[in-house]
Protein backbone atom coordinates (compact mmCIF):
# COMPACT_ATOMS: atom_id res chain seq x y z
CA UNK A 1 -1.42 136.03 55.47
CA UNK A 2 2.30 135.21 55.25
CA UNK A 3 1.91 131.95 57.20
CA UNK A 4 -1.08 130.91 55.15
CA UNK A 5 0.77 131.63 51.93
CA UNK A 6 3.70 129.52 53.12
CA UNK A 7 1.34 126.66 54.03
CA UNK A 8 -0.32 126.81 50.59
CA UNK A 9 3.02 126.76 48.85
CA UNK A 10 4.07 123.77 50.91
CA UNK A 11 0.89 121.81 50.03
CA UNK A 12 1.28 122.60 46.33
CA UNK A 13 4.89 121.41 46.38
CA UNK A 14 3.93 118.23 48.20
CA UNK A 15 1.23 117.49 45.72
CA UNK A 16 3.69 117.95 42.83
CA UNK A 17 6.05 115.50 44.45
CA UNK A 18 3.29 112.91 44.72
CA UNK A 19 2.29 113.24 41.12
CA UNK A 20 5.86 112.96 39.99
CA UNK A 21 6.11 109.66 41.89
CA UNK A 22 2.85 108.41 40.33
CA UNK A 23 4.08 109.28 36.82
CA UNK A 24 7.41 107.59 37.40
CA UNK A 25 5.84 104.33 38.67
CA UNK A 26 3.31 104.29 35.84
CA UNK A 27 5.95 104.78 33.18
CA UNK A 28 8.61 102.42 34.54
CA UNK A 29 6.41 99.70 36.07
CA UNK A 30 2.70 99.61 35.24
CA UNK A 31 2.98 99.79 31.47
CA UNK A 32 5.76 97.12 31.12
CA UNK A 33 4.04 94.99 33.70
CA UNK A 34 0.79 95.05 31.77
CA UNK A 35 2.47 94.21 28.41
CA UNK A 36 4.38 91.28 29.96
CA UNK A 37 1.31 89.91 31.69
CA UNK A 38 -0.59 89.94 28.40
CA UNK A 39 2.12 88.12 26.55
CA UNK A 40 2.69 85.49 29.26
CA UNK A 41 -0.99 84.73 29.88
CA UNK A 42 -2.25 84.59 26.35
CA UNK A 43 0.64 83.27 24.39
CA UNK A 44 3.29 81.53 26.44
CA UNK A 45 0.92 79.78 28.87
CA UNK A 46 -0.90 77.84 26.14
CA UNK A 47 2.32 76.70 24.48
CA UNK A 48 3.96 75.61 27.74
CA UNK A 49 0.88 73.60 28.86
CA UNK A 50 0.56 71.88 25.47
CA UNK A 51 4.21 70.93 25.34
CA UNK A 52 4.13 69.64 28.97
CA UNK A 53 1.06 67.51 28.24
CA UNK A 54 2.65 65.96 25.15
CA UNK A 55 5.83 65.18 27.14
CA UNK A 56 3.91 63.55 29.96
CA UNK A 57 1.70 61.44 27.70
CA UNK A 58 4.58 60.25 25.52
CA UNK A 59 6.75 59.24 28.48
CA UNK A 60 3.79 57.48 30.19
CA UNK A 61 2.80 55.66 26.99
CA UNK A 62 6.33 54.37 26.49
CA UNK A 63 6.59 53.26 30.07
CA UNK A 64 3.25 51.34 29.85
CA UNK A 65 4.32 49.67 26.60
CA UNK A 66 7.40 48.35 28.36
CA UNK A 67 5.24 47.01 31.19
CA UNK A 68 3.01 45.29 28.62
CA UNK A 69 5.97 43.61 26.92
CA UNK A 70 7.33 42.38 30.26
CA UNK A 71 3.86 41.20 31.34
CA UNK A 72 3.43 39.34 28.05
CA UNK A 73 6.84 37.76 28.52
CA UNK A 74 5.86 36.61 32.00
CA UNK A 75 2.59 35.06 30.69
CA UNK A 76 4.42 33.27 27.91
CA UNK A 77 6.95 31.93 30.45
CA UNK A 78 4.12 30.57 32.57
CA UNK A 79 2.89 28.57 29.49
CA UNK A 80 6.12 26.52 29.44
CA UNK A 81 4.77 24.39 32.26
CA UNK A 82 1.69 23.48 30.19
CA UNK A 83 3.24 23.23 26.72
CA UNK A 84 6.37 21.33 27.64
CA UNK A 85 5.69 17.66 28.46
CA UNK A 86 8.11 17.36 31.36
CA UNK A 87 5.68 17.87 34.25
CA UNK A 88 2.86 15.88 32.66
CA UNK A 89 5.11 12.94 31.88
CA UNK A 90 6.75 13.00 35.32
CA UNK A 91 3.33 13.07 36.96
CA UNK A 92 2.15 10.12 34.74
CA UNK A 93 5.27 8.11 35.66
CA UNK A 94 4.62 8.87 39.35
CA UNK A 95 1.01 7.68 38.96
CA UNK A 96 2.34 4.42 37.47
CA UNK A 97 5.27 3.55 39.78
CA UNK A 98 4.56 5.76 42.85
CA UNK A 99 8.20 7.02 42.94
CA UNK A 100 7.68 10.30 44.74
CA UNK A 101 11.39 11.10 44.92
CA UNK A 102 11.78 10.89 41.17
CA UNK A 103 8.70 13.12 40.72
CA UNK A 104 10.09 15.77 43.13
CA UNK A 105 13.45 15.70 41.40
CA UNK A 106 12.00 16.11 37.95
CA UNK A 107 9.52 18.90 38.86
CA UNK A 108 12.09 20.90 40.88
CA UNK A 109 14.62 20.60 38.06
CA UNK A 110 12.03 21.91 35.58
CA UNK A 111 11.08 24.86 37.77
CA UNK A 112 14.68 25.79 38.38
CA UNK A 113 15.57 25.62 34.70
CA UNK A 114 12.65 27.80 33.54
CA UNK A 115 11.93 30.20 36.44
CA UNK A 116 14.87 30.35 38.77
CA UNK A 117 16.85 32.67 36.43
CA UNK A 118 13.88 34.68 35.19
CA UNK A 119 13.97 38.06 36.98
CA UNK A 120 10.24 38.59 36.27
CA UNK A 121 9.43 36.07 39.04
CA UNK A 122 10.36 36.25 42.70
CA UNK A 123 8.77 32.98 43.75
CA UNK A 124 7.25 30.05 41.73
CA UNK A 125 5.14 27.29 43.26
CA UNK A 126 3.43 24.18 41.79
CA UNK A 127 1.18 21.66 43.38
CA UNK A 128 -0.85 18.70 42.02
CA UNK A 129 -4.62 18.98 42.51
CA UNK A 130 -4.95 15.55 44.04
CA UNK A 131 -2.22 16.34 46.64
CA UNK A 132 -2.36 20.18 47.11
CA UNK A 133 -0.49 20.01 50.45
CA UNK A 134 2.66 18.87 48.65
CA UNK A 135 4.34 22.01 47.29
CA UNK A 136 7.12 22.26 44.68
CA UNK A 137 8.75 25.66 44.56
CA UNK A 138 11.77 27.67 43.44
CA UNK A 139 12.89 31.24 44.06
CA UNK A 140 14.74 33.79 41.90
CA UNK A 141 18.41 33.20 42.22
CA UNK A 142 19.07 36.77 43.34
CA UNK A 143 16.71 36.50 46.34
CA UNK A 144 18.13 36.29 49.86
CA UNK A 145 17.33 33.31 52.04
CA UNK A 146 15.28 35.55 54.39
CA UNK A 147 13.23 36.83 51.43
CA UNK A 148 12.59 33.27 50.27
CA UNK A 149 11.47 32.23 53.73
CA UNK A 150 9.10 35.21 54.03
CA UNK A 151 7.64 34.48 50.55
CA UNK A 152 7.05 30.83 51.43
CA UNK A 153 5.35 31.70 54.69
CA UNK A 154 3.14 34.31 52.97
CA UNK A 155 2.29 31.82 50.27
CA UNK A 156 1.21 29.14 52.75
CA UNK A 157 -0.74 31.54 55.02
CA UNK A 158 -2.39 33.97 52.60
CA UNK A 159 -1.79 33.12 48.97
CA UNK A 160 -2.66 29.41 48.94
CA UNK A 161 -6.24 29.93 50.22
CA UNK A 162 -6.89 32.42 47.31
CA UNK A 163 -5.34 29.98 44.79
CA UNK A 164 -7.64 27.20 46.06
CA UNK A 165 -10.61 29.41 45.43
CA UNK A 166 -9.52 30.54 41.96
CA UNK A 167 -8.13 27.49 40.12
CA UNK A 168 -11.35 25.27 39.97
CA UNK A 169 -13.03 27.90 37.73
CA UNK A 170 -9.97 29.12 35.96
CA UNK A 171 -9.98 26.69 33.02
CA UNK A 172 -7.07 27.56 30.63
CA UNK A 173 -7.10 31.27 31.51
CA UNK A 174 -4.42 33.09 33.55
CA UNK A 175 -5.59 34.75 36.78
CA UNK A 176 -3.81 37.72 38.30
CA UNK A 177 -4.51 38.87 41.85
CA UNK A 178 -2.88 40.76 44.63
CA UNK A 179 -2.14 39.83 48.26
CA UNK A 180 -0.80 42.52 50.52
CA UNK A 181 2.00 44.14 48.45
CA UNK A 182 2.56 41.16 46.12
CA UNK A 183 1.13 40.39 42.65
CA UNK A 184 0.48 36.70 41.81
CA UNK A 185 -0.28 34.95 38.56
CA UNK A 186 -2.05 31.55 38.49
CA UNK A 187 -2.27 28.99 35.59
CA UNK A 188 -3.81 25.54 35.48
CA UNK A 189 -1.94 22.60 33.91
CA UNK A 190 -4.68 20.69 32.05
CA UNK A 191 -5.09 17.01 31.06
CA UNK A 192 -6.15 16.08 27.54
CA UNK A 193 -9.67 16.16 28.73
CA UNK A 194 -9.21 19.69 30.02
CA UNK A 195 -9.22 18.90 33.70
CA UNK A 196 -6.62 20.62 35.90
CA UNK A 197 -4.10 18.14 37.30
CA UNK A 198 -1.63 20.77 38.62
CA UNK A 199 -1.65 24.53 39.49
CA UNK A 200 1.28 26.87 38.80
CA UNK A 201 1.53 30.06 40.95
CA UNK A 202 4.06 32.80 40.37
CA UNK A 203 4.83 35.99 42.34
CA UNK A 204 5.74 38.75 39.90
CA UNK A 205 8.74 40.95 40.51
CA UNK A 206 7.08 44.36 40.45
CA UNK A 207 10.32 46.28 40.09
CA UNK A 208 11.07 44.38 36.91
CA UNK A 209 7.65 43.96 35.34
CA UNK A 210 6.26 47.42 36.26
CA UNK A 211 9.46 49.33 37.10
CA UNK A 212 9.42 51.32 33.86
CA UNK A 213 6.47 53.34 35.10
CA UNK A 214 8.68 55.53 37.29
CA UNK A 215 10.41 56.79 34.13
CA UNK A 216 7.30 58.84 33.32
CA UNK A 217 7.97 62.59 33.40
CA UNK A 218 6.79 64.04 36.70
CA UNK A 219 6.24 60.52 38.24
CA UNK A 220 4.90 60.57 41.83
CA UNK A 221 3.34 57.12 42.15
CA UNK A 222 1.44 54.41 40.24
CA UNK A 223 -1.39 51.95 40.63
CA UNK A 224 -2.28 48.82 38.53
CA UNK A 225 -5.75 47.36 38.11
CA UNK A 226 -6.86 44.10 36.55
CA UNK A 227 -10.46 44.36 35.50
CA UNK A 228 -11.84 46.34 38.49
CA UNK A 229 -9.48 44.94 41.13
CA UNK A 230 -6.67 47.02 42.52
CA UNK A 231 -3.46 44.99 42.54
CA UNK A 232 -0.72 47.26 43.78
CA UNK A 233 0.40 50.79 44.08
CA UNK A 234 3.15 52.91 45.61
CA UNK A 235 2.84 56.28 47.32
CA UNK A 236 -0.85 55.66 47.86
CA UNK A 237 -1.47 59.19 49.23
CA UNK A 238 -1.37 60.62 45.71
CA UNK A 239 -4.44 58.56 44.79
CA UNK A 240 -6.93 60.33 47.03
CA UNK A 241 -10.23 60.72 45.12
CA UNK A 242 -9.18 58.51 42.23
CA UNK A 243 -11.71 55.83 43.15
CA UNK A 244 -14.47 58.10 41.87
CA UNK A 245 -13.30 57.67 38.29
CA UNK A 246 -12.05 54.09 38.38
CA UNK A 247 -15.17 52.71 36.72
CA UNK A 248 -14.87 55.31 34.01
CA UNK A 249 -11.20 54.55 33.40
CA UNK A 250 -11.49 50.73 33.37
CA UNK A 251 -14.73 50.55 31.40
CA UNK A 252 -13.03 51.26 28.09
CA UNK A 253 -10.25 49.69 26.11
CA UNK A 254 -8.24 52.82 25.44
CA UNK A 255 -4.72 51.94 24.41
CA UNK A 256 -3.78 55.59 23.98
CA UNK A 257 -2.44 57.25 27.15
CA UNK A 258 -4.35 60.29 28.36
CA UNK A 259 -3.82 63.04 30.90
CA UNK A 260 -6.47 63.76 33.54
CA UNK A 261 -6.89 66.18 36.39
CA UNK A 262 -8.88 65.06 39.40
CA UNK A 263 -9.25 67.74 42.08
CA UNK A 264 -5.86 69.19 42.72
CA UNK A 265 -3.98 66.20 41.39
CA UNK A 266 -2.84 65.20 37.87
CA UNK A 267 -2.88 61.62 36.51
CA UNK A 268 -1.77 59.83 33.30
CA UNK A 269 -3.78 56.70 32.56
CA UNK A 270 -4.19 53.96 29.97
CA UNK A 271 -6.40 50.80 29.83
CA UNK A 272 -5.23 47.81 27.84
CA UNK A 273 -6.97 44.50 27.03
CA UNK A 274 -4.28 42.09 25.79
CA UNK A 275 -6.55 39.02 26.02
CA UNK A 276 -9.57 38.54 28.21
CA UNK A 277 -8.73 41.06 30.98
CA UNK A 278 -8.67 44.79 31.23
CA UNK A 279 -5.36 46.01 32.68
CA UNK A 280 -5.42 49.59 33.85
CA UNK A 281 -2.30 51.73 34.51
CA UNK A 282 -2.73 54.96 36.51
CA UNK A 283 0.30 57.18 37.04
CA UNK A 284 0.11 59.97 39.63
CA UNK A 285 2.08 63.08 38.63
CA UNK A 286 3.95 65.58 40.82
CA UNK A 287 1.81 68.67 40.37
CA UNK A 288 4.78 70.89 41.19
CA UNK A 289 6.29 69.70 37.90
CA UNK A 290 3.13 70.02 35.88
CA UNK A 291 2.76 73.51 34.55
CA UNK A 292 -0.78 74.90 34.74
CA UNK A 293 -2.06 78.41 35.22
CA UNK A 294 -0.60 78.59 38.68
CA UNK A 295 2.88 77.93 37.42
CA UNK A 296 2.43 80.28 34.57
CA UNK A 297 1.81 82.96 37.18
CA UNK A 298 5.08 81.92 38.89
CA UNK A 299 7.00 82.35 35.69
CA UNK A 300 5.31 85.68 35.13
CA UNK A 301 6.28 86.73 38.64
CA UNK A 302 9.89 85.79 37.99
CA UNK A 303 10.01 87.80 34.82
CA UNK A 304 8.34 90.75 36.49
CA UNK A 305 10.86 90.62 39.30
CA UNK A 306 13.63 90.83 36.76
CA UNK A 307 11.91 93.84 35.14
CA UNK A 308 11.38 95.42 38.55
CA UNK A 309 15.13 95.44 39.31
CA UNK A 310 15.80 98.63 37.39
CA UNK A 311 12.55 100.12 38.76
CA UNK A 312 13.69 99.47 42.32
CA UNK A 313 17.02 101.10 41.57
CA UNK A 314 15.34 104.17 40.03
CA UNK A 315 12.85 104.52 42.90
CA UNK A 316 15.61 103.99 45.50
CA UNK A 317 17.80 106.65 43.87
CA UNK A 318 14.83 108.97 43.68
CA UNK A 319 13.92 108.59 47.31
CA UNK A 320 17.57 108.84 48.36
CA UNK A 321 18.06 112.16 46.64
CA UNK A 322 14.65 113.58 47.33
CA UNK A 323 13.79 112.24 50.82
CA UNK A 324 16.43 110.13 52.62
CA UNK A 325 19.39 112.53 52.34
CA UNK A 326 17.47 115.67 53.42
CA UNK A 327 15.84 113.77 56.30
CA UNK A 328 19.23 112.37 57.34
CA UNK A 329 20.62 115.94 57.50
CA UNK A 330 17.71 117.09 59.69
CA UNK A 331 18.15 114.09 62.02
CA UNK A 332 21.94 114.70 62.33
CA UNK A 333 21.30 118.38 63.03
CA UNK A 334 18.72 117.46 65.71
CA UNK A 335 21.30 115.23 67.42
CA UNK A 336 23.85 118.01 67.38
CA UNK A 337 21.31 120.34 69.12
CA UNK A 338 20.61 117.64 71.71
CA UNK A 339 24.35 117.29 72.43
CA UNK A 340 24.54 121.06 73.17
CA UNK A 341 25.91 122.36 69.83
CA UNK A 342 23.41 125.26 69.69
CA UNK A 343 23.54 127.25 66.50
CA UNK A 344 24.40 124.30 64.27
CA UNK A 345 23.60 125.00 60.63
CA UNK A 346 22.60 122.55 57.93
CA UNK A 347 24.36 122.67 54.58
CA UNK A 348 21.66 122.89 51.94
CA UNK A 349 21.33 119.64 49.92
CA UNK A 350 17.55 119.54 49.39
CA UNK A 351 16.20 118.70 45.96
CA UNK A 352 12.61 119.63 46.68
CA UNK A 353 10.75 122.72 47.86
CA UNK A 354 9.49 121.00 50.98
CA UNK A 355 12.91 120.04 52.38
CA UNK A 356 14.48 123.29 51.32
CA UNK A 357 11.85 125.11 53.45
CA UNK A 358 12.46 122.72 56.42
CA UNK A 359 16.30 123.23 56.23
CA UNK A 360 15.95 127.03 56.16
CA UNK A 361 13.45 126.99 59.04
CA UNK A 362 15.73 124.72 61.09
CA UNK A 363 18.77 126.94 60.53
CA UNK A 364 16.78 130.03 61.60
CA UNK A 365 15.53 128.27 64.74
CA UNK A 366 18.97 127.01 65.61
CA UNK A 367 20.52 130.44 65.30
CA UNK A 368 17.77 131.95 67.44
CA UNK A 369 18.23 129.26 70.04
CA UNK A 370 21.97 129.95 70.25
CA UNK A 371 21.31 133.63 70.73
CA UNK A 372 18.83 132.93 73.56
CA UNK A 373 21.15 130.44 75.29
CA UNK A 374 24.09 132.88 75.14
CA UNK A 375 21.97 135.65 76.58
CA UNK A 376 20.53 133.51 79.40
CA UNK A 377 23.94 131.96 80.18
CA UNK A 378 25.61 135.42 80.52
CA UNK A 379 22.80 136.73 82.76
CA UNK A 380 22.76 133.62 84.93
CA UNK A 381 26.56 133.57 85.39
CA UNK A 382 26.59 137.18 86.49
CA UNK A 383 23.63 136.55 88.85
CA UNK A 384 25.36 133.56 90.33
CA UNK A 385 28.56 135.45 91.00
CA UNK A 386 26.66 138.30 92.60
CA UNK A 387 24.61 135.91 94.86
CA UNK A 388 27.62 133.88 95.97
CA UNK A 389 29.71 136.96 96.79
CA UNK A 390 26.81 138.59 98.59
CA UNK A 391 26.03 135.46 100.67
CA UNK A 392 29.69 134.81 101.57
CA UNK A 393 30.21 138.42 102.67
CA UNK A 394 27.51 138.06 105.28
CA UNK A 395 29.39 135.30 107.10
CA UNK A 396 32.52 137.24 108.10
CA UNK A 397 31.79 140.13 110.57
CA UNK A 398 30.03 138.30 113.39
CA UNK A 399 32.46 135.38 113.44
CA UNK A 400 35.47 137.64 113.46
CA UNK A 401 34.16 139.55 116.48
CA UNK A 402 33.61 136.33 118.46
CA UNK A 403 37.04 134.98 117.46
CA UNK A 404 38.80 138.19 118.49
CA UNK A 405 37.02 138.20 121.85
CA UNK A 406 38.01 134.61 122.60
CA UNK A 407 41.62 135.31 121.62
CA UNK A 408 41.72 138.37 123.81
CA UNK A 409 40.27 136.45 126.77
CA UNK A 410 42.69 133.56 126.27
CA UNK A 411 45.70 135.91 126.06
CA UNK A 412 44.80 137.64 129.36
CA UNK A 413 44.19 134.53 131.36
CA UNK A 414 46.74 131.90 130.19
CA UNK A 415 49.62 133.55 128.43
CA UNK A 416 50.77 130.26 126.78
CA UNK A 417 51.33 128.65 123.32
CA UNK A 418 47.57 128.13 122.94
CA UNK A 419 47.41 131.77 121.86
CA UNK A 420 49.79 130.99 119.05
CA UNK A 421 47.73 128.06 117.83
CA UNK A 422 44.58 130.07 118.01
CA UNK A 423 46.13 132.82 115.95
CA UNK A 424 47.23 130.23 113.38
CA UNK A 425 43.74 128.83 113.13
CA UNK A 426 42.31 132.33 112.94
CA UNK A 427 44.56 132.98 110.03
CA UNK A 428 43.15 129.87 108.34
CA UNK A 429 39.60 131.11 108.87
CA UNK A 430 40.44 134.65 107.69
CA UNK A 431 41.97 133.20 104.53
CA UNK A 432 38.86 131.08 103.94
CA UNK A 433 36.44 133.99 104.41
CA UNK A 434 38.44 136.56 102.39
CA UNK A 435 39.29 134.14 99.48
CA UNK A 436 41.73 136.39 97.70
CA UNK A 437 41.89 133.89 94.72
CA UNK A 438 38.08 134.00 94.31
CA UNK A 439 37.58 130.25 94.12
CA UNK A 440 34.01 128.83 94.05
CA UNK A 441 35.14 125.27 94.84
CA UNK A 442 37.74 123.70 97.10
CA UNK A 443 38.67 120.10 97.89
CA UNK A 444 36.91 118.41 100.74
CA UNK A 445 40.32 118.14 102.41
CA UNK A 446 40.69 121.95 102.34
CA UNK A 447 37.14 122.43 103.53
CA UNK A 448 37.82 120.15 106.51
CA UNK A 449 40.84 122.30 107.41
CA UNK A 450 38.47 125.23 107.85
CA UNK A 451 36.28 123.07 110.08
CA UNK A 452 39.31 121.95 112.14
CA UNK A 453 40.41 125.55 112.62
CA UNK A 454 36.99 126.59 113.75
CA UNK A 455 36.64 123.63 116.13
CA UNK A 456 40.03 124.31 117.73
CA UNK A 457 39.09 127.92 118.40
CA UNK A 458 35.63 127.10 119.72
CA UNK A 459 36.99 124.26 121.90
CA UNK A 460 39.08 126.80 123.74
CA UNK A 461 35.92 128.59 124.60
CA UNK A 462 33.91 125.61 125.86
CA UNK A 463 36.66 123.31 127.04
CA UNK A 464 35.36 119.96 128.37
CA UNK A 465 31.75 121.12 127.91
CA UNK A 466 32.03 120.35 124.19
CA UNK A 467 32.74 116.88 122.82
CA UNK A 468 33.32 116.56 119.07
CA UNK A 469 33.27 113.23 117.16
CA UNK A 470 34.21 112.96 113.49
CA UNK A 471 33.60 110.20 110.98
CA UNK A 472 35.04 111.38 107.67
CA UNK A 473 35.72 109.14 104.63
CA UNK A 474 39.24 110.27 103.70
CA UNK A 475 38.88 108.65 100.33
CA UNK A 476 36.65 111.59 99.38
CA UNK A 477 39.19 114.28 100.24
CA UNK A 478 39.87 115.10 96.58
CA UNK A 479 36.20 115.64 95.77
CA UNK A 480 35.47 119.31 95.26
CA UNK A 481 32.73 121.11 97.13
CA UNK A 482 31.52 124.75 97.38
CA UNK A 483 33.71 126.70 99.76
CA UNK A 484 32.61 127.23 103.38
CA UNK A 485 29.49 125.07 103.50
CA UNK A 486 30.40 122.89 106.56
CA UNK A 487 31.70 125.42 109.04
CA UNK A 488 28.45 127.47 109.22
CA UNK A 489 26.53 124.31 110.02
CA UNK A 490 29.03 123.45 112.79
CA UNK A 491 28.67 126.98 114.08
CA UNK A 492 24.87 126.70 114.10
CA UNK A 493 25.13 123.35 115.98
CA UNK A 494 27.39 125.01 118.63
CA UNK A 495 25.15 128.04 119.08
CA UNK A 496 21.89 126.15 119.35
CA UNK A 497 23.06 122.82 120.79
CA UNK A 498 25.74 123.77 123.24
CA UNK A 499 25.10 127.29 124.53
CA UNK A 500 23.16 127.26 127.74
CA UNK A 501 23.89 123.56 128.48
CA UNK A 502 26.37 122.03 130.91
CA UNK A 503 27.68 119.66 128.30
CA UNK A 504 27.12 119.03 124.62
CA UNK A 505 28.16 116.67 121.85
CA UNK A 506 28.59 117.26 118.09
CA UNK A 507 29.05 114.39 115.60
CA UNK A 508 30.33 115.21 112.10
CA UNK A 509 29.93 112.52 109.44
CA UNK A 510 31.04 112.84 105.80
CA UNK A 511 30.29 110.00 103.38
CA UNK A 512 29.22 109.17 99.84
CA UNK A 513 25.78 107.96 98.64
CA UNK A 514 25.98 106.96 94.98
CA UNK A 515 26.84 110.15 93.08
CA UNK A 516 26.10 112.35 96.14
CA UNK A 517 28.36 113.66 98.90
CA UNK A 518 26.58 113.83 102.22
CA UNK A 519 27.67 115.92 105.26
CA UNK A 520 25.73 115.16 108.43
CA UNK A 521 26.10 117.22 111.63
CA UNK A 522 24.36 115.89 114.71
CA UNK A 523 24.13 117.85 118.01
CA UNK A 524 22.49 117.41 121.36
CA UNK A 525 19.16 119.05 121.91
CA UNK A 526 16.03 118.88 119.81
CA UNK A 527 14.12 121.43 117.83
CA UNK A 528 10.84 122.77 119.14
CA UNK A 529 7.86 123.25 116.90
CA UNK A 530 8.67 126.99 116.68
CA UNK A 531 12.25 126.14 115.74
CA UNK A 532 11.11 123.84 112.97
CA UNK A 533 8.80 126.50 111.55
CA UNK A 534 11.60 129.09 111.75
CA UNK A 535 14.04 126.80 109.91
CA UNK A 536 11.51 126.06 107.24
CA UNK A 537 11.11 129.80 106.63
CA UNK A 538 14.89 130.33 106.60
CA UNK A 539 15.41 127.69 103.96
CA UNK A 540 12.56 128.85 101.70
CA UNK A 541 13.54 130.53 98.43
CA UNK A 542 11.32 133.61 98.97
CA UNK A 543 12.47 134.37 102.58
CA UNK A 544 13.79 137.92 103.22
CA UNK A 545 16.45 137.75 105.97
CA UNK A 546 15.82 141.03 107.77
CA UNK A 547 16.97 140.94 111.42
CA UNK A 548 18.25 137.33 111.95
CA UNK A 549 21.09 135.83 113.96
CA UNK A 550 24.43 135.04 112.49
CA UNK A 551 24.04 131.25 112.83
CA UNK A 552 20.57 131.38 111.21
CA UNK A 553 21.93 133.49 108.37
CA UNK A 554 24.77 131.00 107.93
CA UNK A 555 22.54 127.94 107.31
CA UNK A 556 20.35 129.97 104.97
CA UNK A 557 23.44 131.09 103.00
CA UNK A 558 24.71 127.51 102.73
CA UNK A 559 21.38 126.22 101.43
CA UNK A 560 21.01 128.97 98.91
CA UNK A 561 24.51 128.57 97.54
CA UNK A 562 24.17 124.86 97.09
CA UNK A 563 20.84 125.15 95.31
CA UNK A 564 22.15 127.88 93.03
CA UNK A 565 25.13 125.71 92.04
CA UNK A 566 23.57 122.24 91.88
CA UNK A 567 19.84 122.71 91.47
CA UNK A 568 16.68 122.05 93.49
CA UNK A 569 17.46 118.40 94.28
CA UNK A 570 20.41 119.41 96.53
CA UNK A 571 20.78 121.60 99.63
CA UNK A 572 20.37 121.58 103.42
CA UNK A 573 17.80 119.83 105.65
CA UNK A 574 17.58 120.43 109.46
CA UNK A 575 15.29 118.15 111.50
CA UNK A 576 14.95 116.12 114.68
CA UNK A 577 15.82 112.46 114.75
CA UNK A 578 14.27 109.63 116.70
CA UNK A 579 16.94 109.93 119.49
CA UNK A 580 15.86 113.46 120.32
CA UNK A 581 18.88 115.15 118.67
CA UNK A 582 19.08 117.72 115.89
CA UNK A 583 20.47 116.54 112.56
CA UNK A 584 21.68 118.96 109.77
CA UNK A 585 22.19 117.16 106.45
CA UNK A 586 23.93 118.73 103.47
CA UNK A 587 23.71 116.96 100.07
CA UNK A 588 25.84 118.01 97.09
CA UNK A 589 26.68 116.37 93.79
CA UNK A 590 29.94 114.38 94.08
CA UNK A 591 32.20 115.11 91.12
CA UNK A 592 35.60 116.43 90.25
CA UNK A 593 34.77 120.08 89.53
CA UNK A 594 36.65 122.53 87.41
CA UNK A 595 35.72 125.82 85.88
CA UNK A 596 33.89 124.22 82.95
CA UNK A 597 31.92 121.97 85.23
CA UNK A 598 30.89 124.91 87.31
CA UNK A 599 29.30 126.35 84.19
CA UNK A 600 27.50 123.17 83.31
CA UNK A 601 25.94 123.00 86.79
CA UNK A 602 24.11 126.28 86.27
CA UNK A 603 20.31 126.03 86.37
CA UNK A 604 18.91 127.95 83.44
CA UNK A 605 15.37 129.18 84.09
């Protein structure tokens, strides 16, 4: 019932936190957002669109009026060739005296005087109808020689054929047509009987005559039509789909400029009829600059973002106080537990019932964990000491008896200094076994001194029957290892590999493998199947020693001590190798060990 009550309380508190968040967002965001959206959509949008349309139409209409004035000026300039008598008189004089040179001089001089300095024309050409192959021309003074050459080539190749088609039916009118990206104007020079005797052709300077169109607000491109013929346009991509409404646009004489939307694009257009021809101006607009409903939404979004700034701050502060800070404390406390600081307590900083409950529960669990760890640690340390002391105490008696027997035998037979050395080595072994300082670990160098003492004593027993080889990495001498783990393995190799044989060999190798220290003892003679089963039983955790030999008890003790200290991954392995010899392999963790590290190597069940 208590757990259920706690759960119900937690759910109610969580629900209250959710409703407080909903109320906060509604009050600080939804209501202001709705009011702003209403104002922007129904009031500001209409005014902005109307003002934008007026601006576009006014700027486009002014630009088109300037184009009209410049076009009218160009047409009036073309009439000079007809109204002034210079060309007609020069041509009549030529017809009378045949002086072609004088004719060319007079015509060229007239063209230069009237059209060479007029920036509305890039190129002006005149030919007489009875000799159309003889061309008289002049170019705008500001044109480069290359531009003049290109214009003359284009005139001969592409413009002249069109002129020859147009002028016979032109009468006194002015024809305007386009070739590639150029706009040309054609006028006949008539005799008194209204027959054309010469044809004047002019290439209009689009940047001058129609350049004012790009002053339209939001300008993206333009196109010009005469009657229903497209003359020129720039940025043609903006006119996709406009051909569907060309007939509608050019079918009326609407001098007032209008705004039109075709698909996704916006256009300003006007159709003028100055004389006999309809001239249509279509200006494509940059829709990014034309404010419609889409752009109203953008403005609304911008305003909403500004209003959301204090909301974001409020929500951030709310979550920081109510959620982020308490969660951060829990995460930090979890890291402290992972690092081994059991019993760590969180200082209460929760502002909600949920996190207050979590902090209290965490503190209780942490304290309980500290209590359990302390209890287990104390029990395991006592057990470890008891096991190590019990295992070490089993090594001493049998070895001491054998050593004393050898010393006694040596003293009776030889009576020399060997006895002294044996006594010294026996002292070393006695010191190692008794361990008055109660050390768990010694350096590898000290451990090897125990091995050397044992080997000296045992060599006096076997003499030349025993050959010992050592391969020890002296760079590992300062690594600390459990005391008396190598000598029992050497003893086992002597007892089982040398006794009963005429000769025997023992190889001792000590080396490092990564973070492991490996001691390998190799002796002559191989294990039988029964021996392997017996060793497997000896090294098992649940084996009860009972009546076993000293050497067998020694290898069991070494294995048990290593596994107690370092864990299940380390210990002793005894097996046959492929050469028919017995190999005993000890693996311990290679590290500088002190009292604190001894504690951290405990395996806590």
